């Protein structure tokens, strides 16, 4: 955030309107004290339109393109042409000398100088549910404690109290069915509390049932909200209940949703944008994610069901899937760059593991956590780098391998969040954002 410059008008002088006056010294004092006092003590600044616009544009944000089902590294970031493991697809050169991607990703190859690719991920879980849990939370489970997911941590760390846009949004075209369902219906926020769980939107590209009833006046609606808030807080204070506090925070989100429901209406976006990203749900949800972070959402997760789980007819399926991914990544990164958002928005492109170097009898690739790839771009990430490598057939990592803790340390560091801070859990055992002070992937960090 660069407050002194960004709050100035086009002429270079501060606007003289009362609503736009923001005393520089108070602003900087508030920022400097934010780490030691309650955010609520200066959160009223978000009612100042100019300050709110500065935060919306310059605050750090994250978009996670969750490629559920686990995409193959061979047909994306780490092709092995001419090898038995490589399959029928060729590789093509990218904007990076000596670096090749799959021929199914020509658009992304043209913006490789804006991306960072990790080819040496190595994790321990080979089943979807356990692997999704591991890569979403950044550490193996320690029952009965439930670690918050990445989205919940970033909602807490990057969000702010008066943001009408939800701090954690999950765009999911398939809210029912598939192996992701059990995880989706679980506890996303863990010990952080329900207020940091996701607002989940399905495949209709809008939030339903958030408009005030036509026969209810604004005054009646506000009075009802105030009454509910009073009794909710009274119960919370009398019972000293953390669960009640979380529930009250969730209710407070509803008012915010009512005021920002228009941001979820895809029909308000230009048809030309929808044509570039669409027509599939994954592409349109990626466009929606761009629109949401542009309007102040700190974290948006875009899931695409489980099409990548290619145990049968792998090559035929990937001829359809990868070109869509290519188009979506190209348009998302390009749009963020053109809008001046990429330097403040971390984009993560990954699934829960990779695919096997061999084909099974059904001409499919099976689950493979031993050597797989992911890509990142934007906030805090070096441009045009490829970290790590696999052997000639992609069976194992050559040199240093990285796991979920290395990844989370990298993401937190890129976003300016202390990866080793302890959670305040009272008398419970000590937990940290990244356990054992695991190092980030240094080659990725700008």
Foldseek 3Di string as FASTA:
>chain_A
DDPVQQLPDPVRHHDPDPLSDDDPVVVVVLVVCPVPDPVVVVLVCCSRVSVVLCLLQFFFAEEEAAQAQAAAQCQFQFNQPPDQLRPDWDWDAAPFPPGTTTPLQPLVSPFQQQKEKEFFAFEDDQDRVQLCQCLQQLHHDDPPFRGAGPQLVLLVVRPDDPQLFQQEEEEEADCDDDPCVVVVPDDRGTPVALLSDYDYDHQPLFDPDLEDDPPDDPVNVVVVVVVVLVVLVVVCVVVVDRNSVRVSSVVVNSVSCSVCRVLSHLVVDDPVQCVQQDDDSQSSVLVSVLSSSSRRHRYYYYYYHNLNNWLAPNVVSCSPPSNSVSSSVSVNCVVCVVVVNQQRYKYWYTYSAHWDSHHDPRRTTGGDNATGMIMMGGQQWRGNYYHFDAPSSRHHTDPDHDYSLLDQLSVCVSSVHHQFDWDCDDPDDIDTNRPPCDHHPVNTGD
